[in-house]
């Protein structure tokens, strides 16, 4: 069963998160270009990419597999954002905004996975 990833609210919300992550990473010190900056970008893009890849697979079981990878990437990104805060690279309001967005995406992914498992 194929899903149109572009119509999925979780994928759309992830695109907004990616934009915010790129805005934040542009403000990071240049020494982080190949460090945390690159890692947070890759983790954020991985969430959307795995949702999209899974949506094109032939079965819900395969889709669930990729949604779980997307979810794992969201936890990776959450950790990295917390580290950015620990290092005083971004302000508290930005951290809270990003973490709230990540948490919402995690809940949506969990709910979507649960629904696909029931169907």
Protein backbone atom coordinates (compact mmCIF):
# COMPACT_ATOMS: atom_id res chain seq x y z
CA UNK A 1 0.00 0.00 0.00
CA UNK A 2 1.53 3.29 -1.11
CA UNK A 3 1.08 6.59 0.73
CA UNK A 4 1.62 10.03 -0.76
CA UNK A 5 4.28 11.38 1.60
CA UNK A 6 3.67 14.96 0.46
CA UNK A 7 0.16 14.77 1.95
CA UNK A 8 1.35 13.46 5.33
CA UNK A 9 1.18 16.13 8.05
CA UNK A 10 4.21 14.63 9.79
CA UNK A 11 6.30 15.03 6.63
CA UNK A 12 5.07 18.62 6.18
CA UNK A 13 5.94 19.48 9.81
CA UNK A 14 9.37 17.92 9.34
CA UNK A 15 10.03 20.25 6.40
CA UNK A 16 9.33 23.24 8.65
CA UNK A 17 11.70 21.77 11.26
CA UNK A 18 14.42 21.26 8.64
CA UNK A 19 14.19 24.92 7.64
CA UNK A 20 14.60 25.96 11.29
CA UNK A 21 17.56 23.59 11.73
CA UNK A 22 19.29 25.08 8.69
CA UNK A 23 18.67 28.60 10.01
CA UNK A 24 20.18 27.65 13.38
CA UNK A 25 23.13 25.82 11.86
CA UNK A 26 24.00 28.90 9.79
CA UNK A 27 24.55 30.78 13.08
CA UNK A 28 26.91 28.18 14.53
CA UNK A 29 30.66 28.85 14.74
CA UNK A 30 32.52 27.96 11.55
CA UNK A 31 34.51 25.33 13.47
CA UNK A 32 31.22 23.37 13.74
CA UNK A 33 30.71 23.24 9.97
CA UNK A 34 31.75 19.58 9.85
CA UNK A 35 30.68 18.85 13.42
CA UNK A 36 27.33 19.51 15.02
CA UNK A 37 26.14 21.74 12.16
CA UNK A 38 26.48 18.93 9.65
CA UNK A 39 25.07 16.35 12.07
CA UNK A 40 21.91 18.28 12.93
CA UNK A 41 21.24 18.93 9.26
CA UNK A 42 21.69 15.27 8.34
CA UNK A 43 19.53 14.05 11.24
CA UNK A 44 16.71 16.46 10.36
CA UNK A 45 16.82 15.60 6.65
CA UNK A 46 16.89 11.90 7.56
CA UNK A 47 13.51 12.22 9.27
CA UNK A 48 11.78 13.55 6.14
CA UNK A 49 13.75 11.30 3.79
CA UNK A 50 12.82 8.12 5.64
CA UNK A 51 9.15 9.08 5.76
CA UNK A 52 9.27 9.64 1.99
CA UNK A 53 11.22 6.45 1.25
CA UNK A 54 8.96 4.33 3.42
CA UNK A 55 5.83 5.74 1.80
CA UNK A 56 6.95 4.34 -1.54
CA UNK A 57 7.52 0.83 -0.26
CA UNK A 58 5.16 -1.99 -1.12
CA UNK A 59 3.74 -2.76 2.29
CA UNK A 60 2.79 -1.14 5.57
CA UNK A 61 5.35 -3.38 7.28
CA UNK A 62 8.13 -1.82 5.19
CA UNK A 63 6.68 1.66 5.74
CA UNK A 64 6.71 1.08 9.51
CA UNK A 65 10.38 0.09 9.28
CA UNK A 66 11.27 3.44 7.68
CA UNK A 67 9.01 5.40 10.04
CA UNK A 68 10.95 3.83 12.92
CA UNK A 69 14.21 4.99 11.34
CA UNK A 70 12.72 8.48 11.00
CA UNK A 71 11.73 8.34 14.66
CA UNK A 72 15.24 7.27 15.68
CA UNK A 73 16.68 10.18 13.69
CA UNK A 74 14.35 12.51 15.58
CA UNK A 75 15.82 11.31 18.89
CA UNK A 76 19.31 11.80 17.48
CA UNK A 77 18.37 15.35 16.48
CA UNK A 78 16.84 16.00 19.90
CA UNK A 79 20.10 15.02 21.57
CA UNK A 80 22.14 17.22 19.26
CA UNK A 81 19.91 20.24 19.92
CA UNK A 82 20.30 19.69 23.65
CA UNK A 83 24.07 19.64 23.11
CA UNK A 84 23.88 22.91 21.18
CA UNK A 85 22.14 24.38 24.19
CA UNK A 86 24.74 22.90 26.57
CA UNK A 87 27.46 24.56 24.50
CA UNK A 88 25.57 27.88 24.51
CA UNK A 89 25.42 27.91 20.70
CA UNK A 90 21.71 28.73 20.54
CA UNK A 91 19.39 30.63 22.85
CA UNK A 92 16.84 29.01 25.14
CA UNK A 93 13.79 30.16 23.18
CA UNK A 94 15.15 28.59 19.97
CA UNK A 95 15.98 25.39 21.85
CA UNK A 96 12.45 25.20 23.27
CA UNK A 97 10.87 25.89 19.87
CA UNK A 98 12.93 23.19 18.17
CA UNK A 99 12.48 20.64 20.96
CA UNK A 100 8.71 21.21 20.96
CA UNK A 101 8.64 20.66 17.21
CA UNK A 102 10.71 17.48 17.50
CA UNK A 103 8.47 16.17 20.29
CA UNK A 104 5.37 16.81 18.18
CA UNK A 105 6.91 14.96 15.24
CA UNK A 106 7.89 12.06 17.51
CA UNK A 107 4.31 11.78 18.78
CA UNK A 108 2.94 11.93 15.25
CA UNK A 109 5.34 9.22 14.07
CA UNK A 110 4.47 7.01 17.05
CA UNK A 111 0.75 7.48 16.38
CA UNK A 112 1.15 6.80 12.68
CA UNK A 113 3.18 3.65 13.34
CA UNK A 114 0.56 2.44 15.83
CA UNK A 115 -2.23 3.07 13.31
CA UNK A 116 -0.42 1.20 10.54
CA UNK A 117 0.17 -1.75 12.88
CA UNK A 118 -3.57 -1.91 13.67
CA UNK A 119 -4.75 -1.70 10.03
